[in-house]
Amino acid sequence: VCGGCWSRIRILAAPFCRTCCDPLPSWRVISAALEQCPRCRRVPSVIDTARAAGHYEGSLRAILHAFKYEGRRRLARPLSALLIEAGAQMLHDADCVVPVPLHPWRRARRGFNQAEELARHLDIPMRRALWRVRATAPQTLLDAKARRRNIRDAFRLSPFFTARRRRRWLEGRNVVLIDDVRTTGATLEACAALLRTVGVHEVRALTVARADLRPASRERSRTDTAA
């Protein structure tokens, strides 16, 4: 990946919702709404705070596709650098990071879990606390409601962390969930809910990209892909 492509990544700039990273229209709105969008004020989240490095479009979209689908695992390090920059505040007092898991057959086909590769380079202890126990349809073409239905009961806690003597590794801790792209947040919410069951103090979510579901952005993404 050339330097020009990295420089063309559109970084997610404030103001944005502290819970889902959706853009907010102005600082005036953010102060009145306690840094949350209307949806997150209406529907409480099990995630305390969320950050994303950039918009899922153009160069960043292409780089992530090369990373995930073309086996370009060496891209994990520079992509993790984007995570460190965007999530410095949430990482500085984190006790561990937890990658969002892949189902075993999908991991076998891909050869690696992209979230785990990203987590390795954050210089914070990594815990494989979650398992994906049900193969699900790709989330890419599903709307928010269908995504929530698709990942229902797809995850479980690793048996290693269900043992009482090992829960102390998570209980009362600040945990950062790591994934490549956040779209509706359904997958991150499902993972965060499981971590809450073992007494995690704070669940934070950090992703490389934030996909914008607004029609204009979808059209822009199609144009970028065609180009």
C-alpha atoms as a PDB file:
ATOM      1  CA  VAL A   1       0.000   0.000   0.000  1.00  0.00           C
ATOM      2  CA  CYS A   2       1.552   3.285  -1.067  1.00  0.00           C
ATOM      3  CA  GLY A   3       1.871   6.384   1.074  1.00  0.00           C
ATOM      4  CA  GLY A   4      -0.661   8.186  -1.075  1.00  0.00           C
ATOM      5  CA  CYS A   5      -3.358   5.651  -0.208  1.00  0.00           C
ATOM      6  CA  TRP A   6      -2.651   5.943   3.519  1.00  0.00           C
ATOM      7  CA  SER A   7      -2.766   9.748   3.295  1.00  0.00           C
ATOM      8  CA  ARG A   8      -6.178   9.651   1.573  1.00  0.00           C
ATOM      9  CA  ILE A   9      -7.866   7.886   4.498  1.00  0.00           C
ATOM     10  CA  ARG A  10     -10.635  10.126   5.827  1.00  0.00           C
ATOM     11  CA  ILE A  11     -10.157  10.185   9.588  1.00  0.00           C
ATOM     12  CA  LEU A  12     -13.278  10.258  11.748  1.00  0.00           C
ATOM     13  CA  ALA A  13     -13.398  13.773  13.165  1.00  0.00           C
ATOM     14  CA  ALA A  14     -15.333  15.067  16.174  1.00  0.00           C
ATOM     15  CA  PRO A  15     -18.019  15.716  17.072  1.00  0.00           C
ATOM     16  CA  PHE A  16     -19.367  12.173  17.088  1.00  0.00           C
ATOM     17  CA  CYS A  17     -21.474  10.067  19.449  1.00  0.00           C
ATOM     18  CA  ARG A  18     -19.333   8.613  22.244  1.00  0.00           C
ATOM     19  CA  THR A  19     -21.378   5.382  22.176  1.00  0.00           C
ATOM     20  CA  CYS A  20     -21.709   4.525  18.480  1.00  0.00           C
ATOM     21  CA  CYS A  21     -19.387   6.993  16.653  1.00  0.00           C
ATOM     22  CA  ASP A  22     -22.191   8.377  14.491  1.00  0.00           C
ATOM     23  CA  PRO A  23     -21.380  11.951  13.419  1.00  0.00           C
ATOM     24  CA  LEU A  24     -23.128  14.713  15.376  1.00  0.00           C
ATOM     25  CA  PRO A  25     -24.108  17.927  13.592  1.00  0.00           C
ATOM     26  CA  SER A  26     -22.386  20.414  15.900  1.00  0.00           C
ATOM     27  CA  TRP A  27     -20.614  20.951  19.224  1.00  0.00           C
ATOM     28  CA  ARG A  28     -23.739  22.748  20.454  1.00  0.00           C
ATOM     29  CA  VAL A  29     -25.738  19.542  20.012  1.00  0.00           C
ATOM     30  CA  ILE A  30     -23.024  17.431  21.609  1.00  0.00           C
ATOM     31  CA  SER A  31     -22.975  19.499  24.822  1.00  0.00           C
ATOM     32  CA  ALA A  32     -26.753  19.394  25.106  1.00  0.00           C
ATOM     33  CA  ALA A  33     -26.960  15.652  24.428  1.00  0.00           C
ATOM     34  CA  LEU A  34     -24.099  14.489  26.697  1.00  0.00           C
ATOM     35  CA  GLU A  35     -22.101  13.441  23.617  1.00  0.00           C
ATOM     36  CA  GLN A  36     -24.717  10.965  22.411  1.00  0.00           C
ATOM     37  CA  CYS A  37     -26.838  10.745  19.300  1.00  0.00           C
ATOM     38  CA  PRO A  38     -30.647  10.553  19.641  1.00  0.00           C
ATOM     39  CA  ARG A  39     -30.668   6.782  19.024  1.00  0.00           C
ATOM     40  CA  CYS A  40     -28.166   6.038  21.803  1.00  0.00           C
ATOM     41  CA  ARG A  41     -30.065   8.272  24.231  1.00  0.00           C
ATOM     42  CA  ARG A  42     -33.246   6.411  23.359  1.00  0.00           C
ATOM     43  CA  VAL A  43     -31.810   2.862  23.451  1.00  0.00           C
ATOM     44  CA  PRO A  44     -29.137   2.378  26.154  1.00  0.00           C
ATOM     45  CA  SER A  45     -26.049   0.449  25.095  1.00  0.00           C
ATOM     46  CA  VAL A  46     -23.993  -2.091  27.049  1.00  0.00           C
ATOM     47  CA  ILE A  47     -20.904  -0.438  25.517  1.00  0.00           C
ATOM     48  CA  ASP A  48     -19.581   2.467  27.571  1.00  0.00           C
ATOM     49  CA  THR A  49     -17.723   4.227  24.794  1.00  0.00           C
ATOM     50  CA  ALA A  50     -16.691   3.584  21.206  1.00  0.00           C
ATOM     51  CA  ARG A  51     -14.130   4.950  18.797  1.00  0.00           C
ATOM     52  CA  ALA A  52     -13.236   4.349  15.154  1.00  0.00           C
ATOM     53  CA  ALA A  53     -10.203   5.572  13.282  1.00  0.00           C
ATOM     54  CA  GLY A  54     -11.734   6.438   9.923  1.00  0.00           C
ATOM     55  CA  HIS A  55     -14.651   6.261   7.525  1.00  0.00           C
ATOM     56  CA  TYR A  56     -15.216   2.955   5.743  1.00  0.00           C
ATOM     57  CA  GLU A  57     -14.771   4.295   2.235  1.00  0.00           C
ATOM     58  CA  GLY A  58     -12.151   4.904  -0.425  1.00  0.00           C
ATOM     59  CA  SER A  59      -8.601   4.005   0.564  1.00  0.00           C
ATOM     60  CA  LEU A  60      -9.429   2.618   4.002  1.00  0.00           C
ATOM     61  CA  ARG A  61     -12.093   0.339   2.567  1.00  0.00           C
ATOM     62  CA  ALA A  62      -9.657  -0.966  -0.057  1.00  0.00           C
ATOM     63  CA  ILE A  63      -6.883  -1.490   2.502  1.00  0.00           C
ATOM     64  CA  LEU A  64      -9.204  -3.415   4.829  1.00  0.00           C
ATOM     65  CA  HIS A  65     -10.404  -5.600   1.951  1.00  0.00           C
ATOM     66  CA  ALA A  66      -6.803  -6.398   1.036  1.00  0.00           C
ATOM     67  CA  PHE A  67      -6.074  -7.199   4.692  1.00  0.00           C
ATOM     68  CA  LYS A  68      -9.073  -9.492   5.201  1.00  0.00           C
ATOM     69  CA  TYR A  69      -9.705 -11.113   1.837  1.00  0.00           C
ATOM     70  CA  GLU A  70      -6.299 -11.121   0.142  1.00  0.00           C
ATOM     71  CA  GLY A  71      -4.313 -12.407   3.126  1.00  0.00           C
ATOM     72  CA  ARG A  72      -2.248  -9.222   3.520  1.00  0.00           C
ATOM     73  CA  ARG A  73      -1.579  -9.861   7.209  1.00  0.00           C
ATOM     74  CA  ARG A  74       1.339  -7.426   7.356  1.00  0.00           C
ATOM     75  CA  LEU A  75      -1.192  -4.625   7.065  1.00  0.00           C
ATOM     76  CA  ALA A  76      -2.237  -5.397  10.638  1.00  0.00           C
ATOM     77  CA  ARG A  77       0.601  -3.338  12.116  1.00  0.00           C
ATOM     78  CA  PRO A  78      -0.094  -0.040  10.293  1.00  0.00           C
ATOM     79  CA  LEU A  79      -3.842  -0.528  10.777  1.00  0.00           C
ATOM     80  CA  SER A  80      -3.233  -1.054  14.494  1.00  0.00           C
ATOM     81  CA  ALA A  81      -1.306   2.222  14.516  1.00  0.00           C
ATOM     82  CA  LEU A  82      -4.545   3.898  13.397  1.00  0.00           C
ATOM     83  CA  LEU A  83      -6.328   2.212  16.318  1.00  0.00           C
ATOM     84  CA  ILE A  84      -3.716   3.436  18.789  1.00  0.00           C
ATOM     85  CA  GLU A  85      -4.032   6.997  17.544  1.00  0.00           C
ATOM     86  CA  ALA A  86      -7.835   7.032  17.521  1.00  0.00           C
ATOM     87  CA  GLY A  87      -8.276   5.120  20.767  1.00  0.00           C
ATOM     88  CA  ALA A  88      -5.403   6.472  22.866  1.00  0.00           C
ATOM     89  CA  GLN A  89      -7.758   7.703  25.561  1.00  0.00           C
ATOM     90  CA  MET A  90      -9.613   4.408  25.954  1.00  0.00           C
ATOM     91  CA  LEU A  91      -6.474   2.260  25.704  1.00  0.00           C
ATOM     92  CA  HIS A  92      -4.293   4.039  28.278  1.00  0.00           C
ATOM     93  CA  ASP A  93      -6.058   2.526  31.331  1.00  0.00           C
ATOM     94  CA  ALA A  94      -7.386  -0.643  29.676  1.00  0.00           C
ATOM     95  CA  ASP A  95      -6.576  -3.935  31.394  1.00  0.00           C
ATOM     96  CA  CYS A  96      -6.908  -6.062  28.273  1.00  0.00           C
ATOM     97  CA  VAL A  97      -8.212  -6.180  24.722  1.00  0.00           C
ATOM     98  CA  VAL A  98     -10.656  -8.808  23.443  1.00  0.00           C
ATOM     99  CA  PRO A  99     -10.852  -9.464  19.686  1.00  0.00           C
ATOM    100  CA  VAL A 100     -14.256 -10.196  18.177  1.00  0.00           C
ATOM    101  CA  PRO A 101     -14.041 -13.912  17.249  1.00  0.00           C
ATOM    102  CA  LEU A 102     -14.597 -15.613  13.914  1.00  0.00           C
ATOM    103  CA  HIS A 103     -16.397 -18.919  13.519  1.00  0.00           C
ATOM    104  CA  PRO A 104     -13.806 -21.741  13.250  1.00  0.00           C
ATOM    105  CA  TRP A 105     -14.632 -22.661   9.642  1.00  0.00           C
ATOM    106  CA  ARG A 106     -14.392 -19.044   8.503  1.00  0.00           C
ATOM    107  CA  ARG A 107     -11.115 -18.610  10.342  1.00  0.00           C
ATOM    108  CA  ALA A 108      -9.815 -21.791   8.706  1.00  0.00           C
ATOM    109  CA  ARG A 109     -10.759 -20.529   5.238  1.00  0.00           C
ATOM    110  CA  ARG A 110      -9.272 -17.074   5.812  1.00  0.00           C
ATOM    111  CA  GLY A 111      -6.248 -18.362   7.704  1.00  0.00           C
ATOM    112  CA  PHE A 112      -6.492 -15.799  10.499  1.00  0.00           C
ATOM    113  CA  ASN A 113      -8.879 -13.642  12.509  1.00  0.00           C
ATOM    114  CA  GLN A 114      -8.422 -10.035  11.423  1.00  0.00           C
ATOM    115  CA  ALA A 115      -9.554  -8.651  14.803  1.00  0.00           C
ATOM    116  CA  GLU A 116      -6.993 -10.810  16.598  1.00  0.00           C
ATOM    117  CA  GLU A 117      -4.204  -9.674  14.271  1.00  0.00           C
ATOM    118  CA  LEU A 118      -5.076  -6.047  15.039  1.00  0.00           C
ATOM    119  CA  ALA A 119      -5.202  -6.697  18.786  1.00  0.00           C
ATOM    120  CA  ARG A 120      -1.716  -8.267  18.819  1.00  0.00           C
ATOM    121  CA  HIS A 121      -0.066  -4.936  17.997  1.00  0.00           C
ATOM    122  CA  LEU A 122      -1.690  -2.794  20.695  1.00  0.00           C
ATOM    123  CA  ASP A 123       0.845  -3.628  23.457  1.00  0.00           C
ATOM    124  CA  ILE A 124      -1.961  -4.537  25.876  1.00  0.00           C
ATOM    125  CA  PRO A 125      -2.685  -8.085  27.107  1.00  0.00           C
ATOM    126  CA  MET A 126      -5.040  -9.901  24.749  1.00  0.00           C
ATOM    127  CA  ARG A 127      -7.701 -12.270  26.063  1.00  0.00           C
ATOM    128  CA  ARG A 128      -9.524 -14.686  23.760  1.00  0.00           C
ATOM    129  CA  ALA A 129     -12.545 -14.449  26.027  1.00  0.00           C
ATOM    130  CA  LEU A 130     -15.205 -15.051  23.385  1.00  0.00           C
ATOM    131  CA  TRP A 131     -16.040 -17.861  20.988  1.00  0.00           C
ATOM    132  CA  ARG A 132     -18.215 -17.747  17.899  1.00  0.00           C
ATOM    133  CA  VAL A 133     -20.268 -20.921  18.099  1.00  0.00           C
ATOM    134  CA  ARG A 134     -22.724 -20.456  15.257  1.00  0.00           C
ATOM    135  CA  ALA A 135     -21.881 -19.780  11.633  1.00  0.00           C
ATOM    136  CA  THR A 136     -23.854 -16.770  10.433  1.00  0.00           C
ATOM    137  CA  ALA A 137     -24.605 -15.241   7.059  1.00  0.00           C
ATOM    138  CA  PRO A 138     -22.311 -12.324   6.113  1.00  0.00           C
ATOM    139  CA  GLN A 139     -23.570  -9.110   7.713  1.00  0.00           C
ATOM    140  CA  THR A 140     -22.602  -6.944   4.737  1.00  0.00           C
ATOM    141  CA  LEU A 141     -25.963  -6.860   2.939  1.00  0.00           C
ATOM    142  CA  LEU A 142     -28.235  -6.950   6.023  1.00  0.00           C
ATOM    143  CA  ASP A 143     -30.026  -4.025   7.621  1.00  0.00           C
ATOM    144  CA  ALA A 144     -29.760  -3.256  11.351  1.00  0.00           C
ATOM    145  CA  LYS A 145     -32.712  -5.442  12.408  1.00  0.00           C
ATOM    146  CA  ALA A 146     -31.560  -8.384  10.297  1.00  0.00           C
ATOM    147  CA  ARG A 147     -28.011  -8.064  11.658  1.00  0.00           C
ATOM    148  CA  ARG A 148     -29.238  -8.320  15.252  1.00  0.00           C
ATOM    149  CA  ARG A 149     -31.306 -11.376  14.358  1.00  0.00           C
ATOM    150  CA  ASN A 150     -28.403 -12.900  12.422  1.00  0.00           C
ATOM    151  CA  ILE A 151     -25.936 -12.823  15.336  1.00  0.00           C
ATOM    152  CA  ARG A 152     -28.407 -13.858  18.052  1.00  0.00           C
ATOM    153  CA  ASP A 153     -26.831 -16.652  20.151  1.00  0.00           C
ATOM    154  CA  ALA A 154     -23.811 -16.674  17.819  1.00  0.00           C
ATOM    155  CA  PHE A 155     -21.316 -16.013  20.636  1.00  0.00           C
ATOM    156  CA  ARG A 156     -20.480 -17.511  23.987  1.00  0.00           C
ATOM    157  CA  LEU A 157     -17.860 -17.006  26.657  1.00  0.00           C
ATOM    158  CA  SER A 158     -14.774 -19.134  26.369  1.00  0.00           C
ATOM    159  CA  PRO A 159     -14.980 -22.001  28.888  1.00  0.00           C
ATOM    160  CA  PHE A 160     -11.588 -20.866  30.174  1.00  0.00           C
ATOM    161  CA  PHE A 161     -13.164 -17.668  31.503  1.00  0.00           C
ATOM    162  CA  THR A 162     -16.311 -19.228  32.896  1.00  0.00           C
ATOM    163  CA  ALA A 163     -14.302 -20.952  35.649  1.00  0.00           C
ATOM    164  CA  ARG A 164     -14.698 -18.925  38.841  1.00  0.00           C
ATOM    165  CA  ARG A 165     -10.974 -18.747  39.610  1.00  0.00           C
ATOM    166  CA  ARG A 166     -10.247 -17.276  36.180  1.00  0.00           C
ATOM    167  CA  ARG A 167     -13.010 -14.673  36.145  1.00  0.00           C
ATOM    168  CA  ARG A 168     -10.701 -12.338  38.039  1.00  0.00           C
ATOM    169  CA  TRP A 169      -8.889 -11.773  34.733  1.00  0.00           C
ATOM    170  CA  LEU A 170     -12.036  -9.965  33.523  1.00  0.00           C
ATOM    171  CA  GLU A 171     -14.066  -9.121  36.621  1.00  0.00           C
ATOM    172  CA  GLY A 172     -13.867  -5.430  37.493  1.00  0.00           C
ATOM    173  CA  ARG A 173     -11.584  -4.769  34.506  1.00  0.00           C
ATOM    174  CA  ASN A 174     -11.677  -2.217  31.709  1.00  0.00           C
ATOM    175  CA  VAL A 175     -11.921  -4.210  28.488  1.00  0.00           C
ATOM    176  CA  VAL A 176     -11.597  -2.971  24.915  1.00  0.00           C
ATOM    177  CA  LEU A 177     -13.346  -4.945  22.161  1.00  0.00           C
ATOM    178  CA  ILE A 178     -11.397  -4.892  18.897  1.00  0.00           C
ATOM    179  CA  ASP A 179     -12.815  -5.328  15.386  1.00  0.00           C
ATOM    180  CA  ASP A 180     -12.090  -4.065  11.891  1.00  0.00           C
ATOM    181  CA  VAL A 181     -15.381  -2.370  10.937  1.00  0.00           C
ATOM    182  CA  ARG A 182     -18.392  -1.150  12.891  1.00  0.00           C
ATOM    183  CA  THR A 183     -21.632  -0.822  10.928  1.00  0.00           C
ATOM    184  CA  THR A 184     -24.766  -1.072  13.067  1.00  0.00           C
ATOM    185  CA  GLY A 185     -22.843  -2.211  16.145  1.00  0.00           C
ATOM    186  CA  ALA A 186     -24.918  -5.393  16.529  1.00  0.00           C
ATOM    187  CA  THR A 187     -21.882  -7.701  16.741  1.00  0.00           C
ATOM    188  CA  LEU A 188     -20.077  -5.483  19.257  1.00  0.00           C
ATOM    189  CA  GLU A 189     -23.210  -5.175  21.391  1.00  0.00           C
ATOM    190  CA  ALA A 190     -23.642  -8.969  21.489  1.00  0.00           C
ATOM    191  CA  CYS A 191     -20.016  -9.442  22.542  1.00  0.00           C
ATOM    192  CA  ALA A 192     -20.205  -6.668  25.144  1.00  0.00           C
ATOM    193  CA  ALA A 193     -23.343  -8.176  26.683  1.00  0.00           C
ATOM    194  CA  LEU A 194     -21.491 -11.457  27.284  1.00  0.00           C
ATOM    195  CA  LEU A 195     -18.537  -9.680  28.891  1.00  0.00           C
ATOM    196  CA  ARG A 196     -20.932  -7.921  31.247  1.00  0.00           C
ATOM    197  CA  THR A 197     -22.097 -11.298  32.562  1.00  0.00           C
ATOM    198  CA  VAL A 198     -18.658 -11.936  34.096  1.00  0.00           C
ATOM    199  CA  GLY A 199     -18.510  -8.566  35.826  1.00  0.00           C
ATOM    200  CA  VAL A 200     -16.417  -6.474  33.428  1.00  0.00           C
ATOM    201  CA  HIS A 201     -16.330  -2.917  34.758  1.00  0.00           C
ATOM    202  CA  GLU A 202     -16.218  -1.061  31.424  1.00  0.00           C
ATOM    203  CA  VAL A 203     -16.645  -2.381  27.895  1.00  0.00           C
ATOM    204  CA  ARG A 204     -15.206  -0.133  25.211  1.00  0.00           C
ATOM    205  CA  ALA A 205     -15.281  -0.749  21.469  1.00  0.00           C
ATOM    206  CA  LEU A 206     -12.473   0.216  19.104  1.00  0.00           C
ATOM    207  CA  THR A 207     -12.573  -0.365  15.350  1.00  0.00           C
ATOM    208  CA  VAL A 208     -10.467   0.667  12.389  1.00  0.00           C
ATOM    209  CA  ALA A 209     -13.457   1.952  10.438  1.00  0.00           C
ATOM    210  CA  ARG A 210     -17.001   3.189  10.917  1.00  0.00           C
ATOM    211  CA  ALA A 211     -19.413   2.446   8.077  1.00  0.00           C
ATOM    212  CA  ASP A 212     -21.953   5.163   7.396  1.00  0.00           C
ATOM    213  CA  LEU A 213     -25.359   3.730   6.496  1.00  0.00           C
ATOM    214  CA  ARG A 214     -26.776   6.953   5.101  1.00  0.00           C
ATOM    215  CA  PRO A 215     -27.773   6.634   1.405  1.00  0.00           C
ATOM    216  CA  ALA A 216     -25.267   9.238   0.205  1.00  0.00           C
ATOM    217  CA  SER A 217     -22.416   7.368   1.802  1.00  0.00           C
ATOM    218  CA  ARG A 218     -23.510   4.068   0.316  1.00  0.00           C
ATOM    219  CA  GLU A 219     -23.540   5.685  -3.113  1.00  0.00           C
ATOM    220  CA  ARG A 220     -20.075   7.157  -2.485  1.00  0.00           C
ATOM    221  CA  SER A 221     -18.752   3.712  -1.467  1.00  0.00           C
ATOM    222  CA  ARG A 222     -20.107   2.149  -4.675  1.00  0.00           C
ATOM    223  CA  THR A 223     -18.423   4.865  -6.717  1.00  0.00           C
ATOM    224  CA  ASP A 224     -15.101   4.311  -4.915  1.00  0.00           C
ATOM    225  CA  THR A 225     -15.302   0.565  -5.529  1.00  0.00           C
ATOM    226  CA  ALA A 226     -16.108   0.996  -9.206  1.00  0.00           C
ATOM    227  CA  ALA A 227     -13.184   3.391  -9.617  1.00  0.00           C
END
